[in-house]
Amino acid sequence: MWYNIVMKTALLIFSAVVTAQPLVNDDVLEPSVGNEVDHAISIAPTNPPPSAAAPFSTNGLSRTAIAVRLVSSQRADGRWLAGTNDVTAAALDLLKSL
């Protein structure tokens, strides 16, 4: 009888510990995402043409979501395009503000 009580208590404690996870804040870039942002900035051209439009809408997105979306949409030549428009300058401004 005591064995069952001890085992059930141990199981409850173990399951509480295993399921407890630290809270993640999407407005703070994880180191791996920060490294990708730094890399994207470093391979972007140093003199992109000026652009007024952002490459996508950022309303309601967290900083991490913006960073991931920008880094994943960068072309191999380091530029960002929205249709046929070069929006590299706007993308760089967004990345640098993160």
N, C-alpha and C. Protein backbone atom coordinates (compact mmCIF):
# COMPACT_ATOMS: atom_id res chain seq x y z
N MET A 1 0.81 -1.18 0.00
CA MET A 1 0.00 0.00 0.00
C MET A 1 0.87 1.26 0.00
N TRP A 2 1.83 1.31 0.89
CA TRP A 2 2.71 2.47 0.92
C TRP A 2 3.53 2.58 -0.36
N TYR A 3 3.86 1.42 -0.87
CA TYR A 3 4.62 1.40 -2.13
C TYR A 3 3.84 2.09 -3.25
N ASN A 4 2.54 1.80 -3.35
CA ASN A 4 1.70 2.43 -4.38
C ASN A 4 1.62 3.94 -4.20
N ILE A 5 1.48 4.39 -2.98
CA ILE A 5 1.40 5.82 -2.69
C ILE A 5 2.72 6.51 -3.06
N VAL A 6 3.82 5.90 -2.68
CA VAL A 6 5.13 6.47 -2.99
C VAL A 6 5.36 6.51 -4.50
N MET A 7 5.01 5.44 -5.19
CA MET A 7 5.20 5.39 -6.64
C MET A 7 4.32 6.41 -7.36
N LYS A 8 3.08 6.57 -6.94
CA LYS A 8 2.19 7.54 -7.56
C LYS A 8 2.70 8.96 -7.32
N THR A 9 3.17 9.23 -6.12
CA THR A 9 3.72 10.54 -5.80
C THR A 9 4.97 10.81 -6.63
N ALA A 10 5.83 9.83 -6.74
CA ALA A 10 7.05 9.99 -7.54
C ALA A 10 6.70 10.20 -9.00
N LEU A 11 5.70 9.51 -9.50
CA LEU A 11 5.28 9.65 -10.88
C LEU A 11 4.70 11.05 -11.14
N LEU A 12 3.93 11.56 -10.20
CA LEU A 12 3.38 12.91 -10.32
C LEU A 12 4.49 13.96 -10.35
N ILE A 13 5.44 13.82 -9.47
CA ILE A 13 6.56 14.77 -9.42
C ILE A 13 7.39 14.69 -10.70
N PHE A 14 7.65 13.48 -11.15
CA PHE A 14 8.44 13.29 -12.37
C PHE A 14 7.73 13.89 -13.57
N SER A 15 6.42 13.66 -13.70
CA SER A 15 5.69 14.19 -14.85
C SER A 15 5.62 15.71 -14.80
N ALA A 16 5.54 16.30 -13.62
CA ALA A 16 5.53 17.76 -13.51
C ALA A 16 6.87 18.34 -13.92
N VAL A 17 7.95 17.68 -13.57
CA VAL A 17 9.28 18.16 -13.91
C VAL A 17 9.54 18.02 -15.41
N VAL A 18 9.12 16.92 -15.99
CA VAL A 18 9.36 16.67 -17.41
C VAL A 18 8.56 17.63 -18.28
N THR A 19 7.32 17.92 -17.90
CA THR A 19 6.49 18.78 -18.74
C THR A 19 6.77 20.26 -18.52
N ALA A 20 7.40 20.64 -17.45
CA ALA A 20 7.71 22.06 -17.22
C ALA A 20 8.83 22.49 -18.16
N GLN A 21 8.55 23.51 -18.95
CA GLN A 21 9.53 24.03 -19.89
C GLN A 21 9.69 25.52 -19.65
N PRO A 22 10.87 26.03 -19.92
CA PRO A 22 11.05 27.47 -19.73
C PRO A 22 10.21 28.24 -20.75
N LEU A 23 9.75 29.41 -20.35
CA LEU A 23 8.96 30.24 -21.25
C LEU A 23 9.88 30.85 -22.30
N VAL A 24 9.39 30.90 -23.52
CA VAL A 24 10.16 31.45 -24.62
C VAL A 24 9.56 32.78 -25.01
N ASN A 25 10.40 33.77 -25.15
CA ASN A 25 9.96 35.10 -25.55
C ASN A 25 10.38 35.32 -26.99
N ASP A 26 9.41 35.41 -27.90
CA ASP A 26 9.72 35.59 -29.32
C ASP A 26 10.27 36.96 -29.65
N ASP A 27 10.19 37.90 -28.71
CA ASP A 27 10.74 39.22 -28.97
C ASP A 27 12.22 39.31 -28.62
N VAL A 28 12.79 38.23 -28.13
CA VAL A 28 14.23 38.17 -27.86
C VAL A 28 14.80 37.11 -28.80
N LEU A 29 15.72 37.52 -29.66
CA LEU A 29 16.28 36.59 -30.63
C LEU A 29 17.18 35.58 -29.95
N GLU A 30 16.96 34.31 -30.29
CA GLU A 30 17.85 33.27 -29.80
C GLU A 30 19.20 33.44 -30.47
N PRO A 31 20.28 32.94 -29.87
CA PRO A 31 21.60 33.12 -30.47
C PRO A 31 21.70 32.59 -31.90
N SER A 32 21.06 31.47 -32.20
CA SER A 32 21.15 30.92 -33.56
C SER A 32 20.45 31.83 -34.57
N VAL A 33 19.32 32.41 -34.18
CA VAL A 33 18.62 33.34 -35.07
C VAL A 33 19.44 34.62 -35.21
N GLY A 34 20.03 35.08 -34.13
CA GLY A 34 20.89 36.26 -34.19
C GLY A 34 22.07 36.05 -35.11
N ASN A 35 22.65 34.85 -35.08
CA ASN A 35 23.77 34.55 -35.99
C ASN A 35 23.32 34.58 -37.44
N GLU A 36 22.13 34.06 -37.72
CA GLU A 36 21.61 34.09 -39.09
C GLU A 36 21.35 35.52 -39.55
N VAL A 37 20.85 36.36 -38.65
CA VAL A 37 20.63 37.77 -38.99
C VAL A 37 21.96 38.44 -39.30
N ASP A 38 22.96 38.21 -38.47
CA ASP A 38 24.29 38.80 -38.71
C ASP A 38 24.87 38.33 -40.04
N HIS A 39 24.68 37.05 -40.36
CA HIS A 39 25.18 36.51 -41.63
C HIS A 39 24.45 37.15 -42.81
N ALA A 40 23.13 37.29 -42.70
CA ALA A 40 22.35 37.90 -43.78
C ALA A 40 22.79 39.33 -44.02
N ILE A 41 23.06 40.06 -42.95
CA ILE A 41 23.52 41.44 -43.09
C ILE A 41 24.91 41.47 -43.73
N SER A 42 25.76 40.52 -43.36
CA SER A 42 27.13 40.53 -43.88
C SER A 42 27.23 40.19 -45.36
N ILE A 43 26.29 39.39 -45.89
CA ILE A 43 26.38 39.03 -47.31
C ILE A 43 25.54 39.95 -48.19
N ALA A 44 24.78 40.85 -47.59
CA ALA A 44 23.98 41.80 -48.38
C ALA A 44 24.93 42.79 -49.06
N PRO A 45 24.54 43.30 -50.23
CA PRO A 45 25.39 44.27 -50.91
C PRO A 45 25.55 45.53 -50.07
N THR A 46 26.69 46.17 -50.21
CA THR A 46 26.98 47.35 -49.39
C THR A 46 26.32 48.61 -49.93
N ASN A 47 25.88 48.58 -51.18
CA ASN A 47 25.24 49.77 -51.75
C ASN A 47 23.95 49.39 -52.48
N PRO A 48 22.95 48.90 -51.72
CA PRO A 48 21.70 48.53 -52.38
C PRO A 48 20.97 49.78 -52.86
N PRO A 49 20.17 49.64 -53.91
CA PRO A 49 19.38 50.78 -54.36
C PRO A 49 18.35 51.16 -53.30
N PRO A 50 18.02 52.42 -53.19
CA PRO A 50 17.03 52.82 -52.18
C PRO A 50 15.66 52.23 -52.51
N SER A 51 14.96 51.85 -51.47
CA SER A 51 13.60 51.33 -51.65
C SER A 51 12.74 51.84 -50.52
N ALA A 52 11.51 52.15 -50.82
CA ALA A 52 10.61 52.69 -49.81
C ALA A 52 9.75 51.61 -49.17
N ALA A 53 9.50 50.54 -49.91
CA ALA A 53 8.57 49.52 -49.42
C ALA A 53 9.30 48.42 -48.67
N ALA A 54 8.69 47.95 -47.59
CA ALA A 54 9.22 46.79 -46.88
C ALA A 54 8.91 45.55 -47.69
N PRO A 55 9.72 44.50 -47.57
CA PRO A 55 9.50 43.29 -48.35
C PRO A 55 8.22 42.54 -47.99
N PHE A 56 7.66 42.79 -46.81
CA PHE A 56 6.40 42.16 -46.39
C PHE A 56 5.86 42.93 -45.21
N SER A 57 4.61 42.70 -44.88
CA SER A 57 3.99 43.36 -43.74
C SER A 57 4.48 42.73 -42.44
N THR A 58 4.79 43.57 -41.46
CA THR A 58 5.30 43.06 -40.19
C THR A 58 4.30 43.23 -39.06
N ASN A 59 3.08 43.61 -39.37
CA ASN A 59 2.07 43.83 -38.33
C ASN A 59 1.80 42.55 -37.56
N GLY A 60 1.94 42.63 -36.27
CA GLY A 60 1.61 41.50 -35.40
C GLY A 60 2.66 40.41 -35.34
N LEU A 61 3.77 40.55 -36.05
CA LEU A 61 4.81 39.52 -36.01
C LEU A 61 5.81 39.82 -34.91
N SER A 62 6.32 38.78 -34.28
CA SER A 62 7.35 38.95 -33.26
C SER A 62 8.68 39.22 -33.95
N ARG A 63 9.65 39.66 -33.19
CA ARG A 63 10.98 39.94 -33.75
C ARG A 63 11.59 38.68 -34.34
N THR A 64 11.39 37.55 -33.67
CA THR A 64 11.92 36.29 -34.18
C THR A 64 11.27 35.91 -35.50
N ALA A 65 9.96 36.07 -35.60
CA ALA A 65 9.26 35.74 -36.85
C ALA A 65 9.72 36.63 -37.99
N ILE A 66 9.94 37.91 -37.71
CA ILE A 66 10.43 38.83 -38.74
C ILE A 66 11.82 38.40 -39.19
N ALA A 67 12.68 38.10 -38.23
CA ALA A 67 14.05 37.70 -38.56
C ALA A 67 14.07 36.43 -39.40
N VAL A 68 13.30 35.43 -39.02
CA VAL A 68 13.28 34.17 -39.75
C VAL A 68 12.73 34.39 -41.16
N ARG A 69 11.68 35.17 -41.28
CA ARG A 69 11.09 35.42 -42.59
C ARG A 69 12.07 36.16 -43.50
N LEU A 70 12.75 37.17 -42.96
CA LEU A 70 13.70 37.92 -43.78
C LEU A 70 14.90 37.06 -44.19
N VAL A 71 15.47 36.37 -43.24
CA VAL A 71 16.66 35.55 -43.53
C VAL A 71 16.32 34.47 -44.55
N SER A 72 15.14 33.86 -44.44
CA SER A 72 14.80 32.79 -45.36
C SER A 72 14.42 33.30 -46.75
N SER A 73 14.07 34.56 -46.87
CA SER A 73 13.70 35.09 -48.18
C SER A 73 14.86 35.79 -48.90
N GLN A 74 16.03 35.82 -48.28
CA GLN A 74 17.19 36.44 -48.91
C GLN A 74 17.67 35.56 -50.06
N ARG A 75 17.98 36.19 -51.18
CA ARG A 75 18.47 35.45 -52.34
C ARG A 75 19.95 35.12 -52.16
N ALA A 76 20.45 34.26 -53.02
CA ALA A 76 21.85 33.82 -52.94
C ALA A 76 22.82 34.98 -53.17
N ASP A 77 22.40 35.99 -53.93
CA ASP A 77 23.28 37.14 -54.17
C ASP A 77 23.22 38.17 -53.04
N GLY A 78 22.46 37.88 -51.98
CA GLY A 78 22.40 38.75 -50.82
C GLY A 78 21.30 39.79 -50.89
N ARG A 79 20.50 39.77 -51.91
CA ARG A 79 19.44 40.77 -52.09
C ARG A 79 18.08 40.20 -51.72
N TRP A 80 17.15 41.11 -51.49
CA TRP A 80 15.75 40.76 -51.27
C TRP A 80 14.94 41.40 -52.39
N LEU A 81 14.03 40.64 -52.97
CA LEU A 81 13.16 41.16 -54.02
C LEU A 81 11.70 40.98 -53.60
N ALA A 82 10.88 41.97 -53.94
CA ALA A 82 9.43 41.88 -53.80
C ALA A 82 8.89 42.02 -55.21
N GLY A 83 8.56 40.90 -55.83
CA GLY A 83 8.22 40.91 -57.24
C GLY A 83 9.49 41.18 -58.03
N THR A 84 9.49 42.28 -58.77
CA THR A 84 10.70 42.66 -59.51
C THR A 84 11.41 43.84 -58.85
N ASN A 85 10.90 44.31 -57.71
CA ASN A 85 11.50 45.45 -57.02
C ASN A 85 12.56 44.99 -56.03
N ASP A 86 13.70 45.64 -56.06
CA ASP A 86 14.77 45.36 -55.11
C ASP A 86 14.45 46.09 -53.81
N VAL A 87 14.17 45.34 -52.74
CA VAL A 87 13.82 45.93 -51.45
C VAL A 87 14.91 45.63 -50.42
N THR A 88 16.14 45.49 -50.89
CA THR A 88 17.25 45.15 -50.01
C THR A 88 17.46 46.19 -48.92
N ALA A 89 17.38 47.46 -49.27
CA ALA A 89 17.61 48.52 -48.27
C ALA A 89 16.58 48.43 -47.15
N ALA A 90 15.31 48.22 -47.49
CA ALA A 90 14.28 48.11 -46.46
C ALA A 90 14.48 46.86 -45.61
N ALA A 91 14.86 45.76 -46.24
CA ALA A 91 15.10 44.52 -45.50
C ALA A 91 16.27 44.69 -44.54
N LEU A 92 17.33 45.35 -45.00
CA LEU A 92 18.48 45.58 -44.13
C LEU A 92 18.11 46.47 -42.96
N ASP A 93 17.32 47.50 -43.20
CA ASP A 93 16.87 48.37 -42.12
C ASP A 93 16.09 47.57 -41.07
N LEU A 94 15.20 46.69 -41.53
CA LEU A 94 14.44 45.86 -40.61
C LEU A 94 15.36 44.93 -39.80
N LEU A 95 16.30 44.28 -40.48
CA LEU A 95 17.20 43.36 -39.78
C LEU A 95 18.06 44.10 -38.77
N LYS A 96 18.55 45.25 -39.15
CA LYS A 96 19.41 46.01 -38.22
C LYS A 96 18.63 46.53 -37.01
N SER A 97 17.32 46.72 -37.18
CA SER A 97 16.53 47.21 -36.05
C SER A 97 16.19 46.09 -35.06
N LEU A 98 16.41 44.85 -35.47
CA LEU A 98 16.12 43.73 -34.57
C LEU A 98 17.20 43.61 -33.54
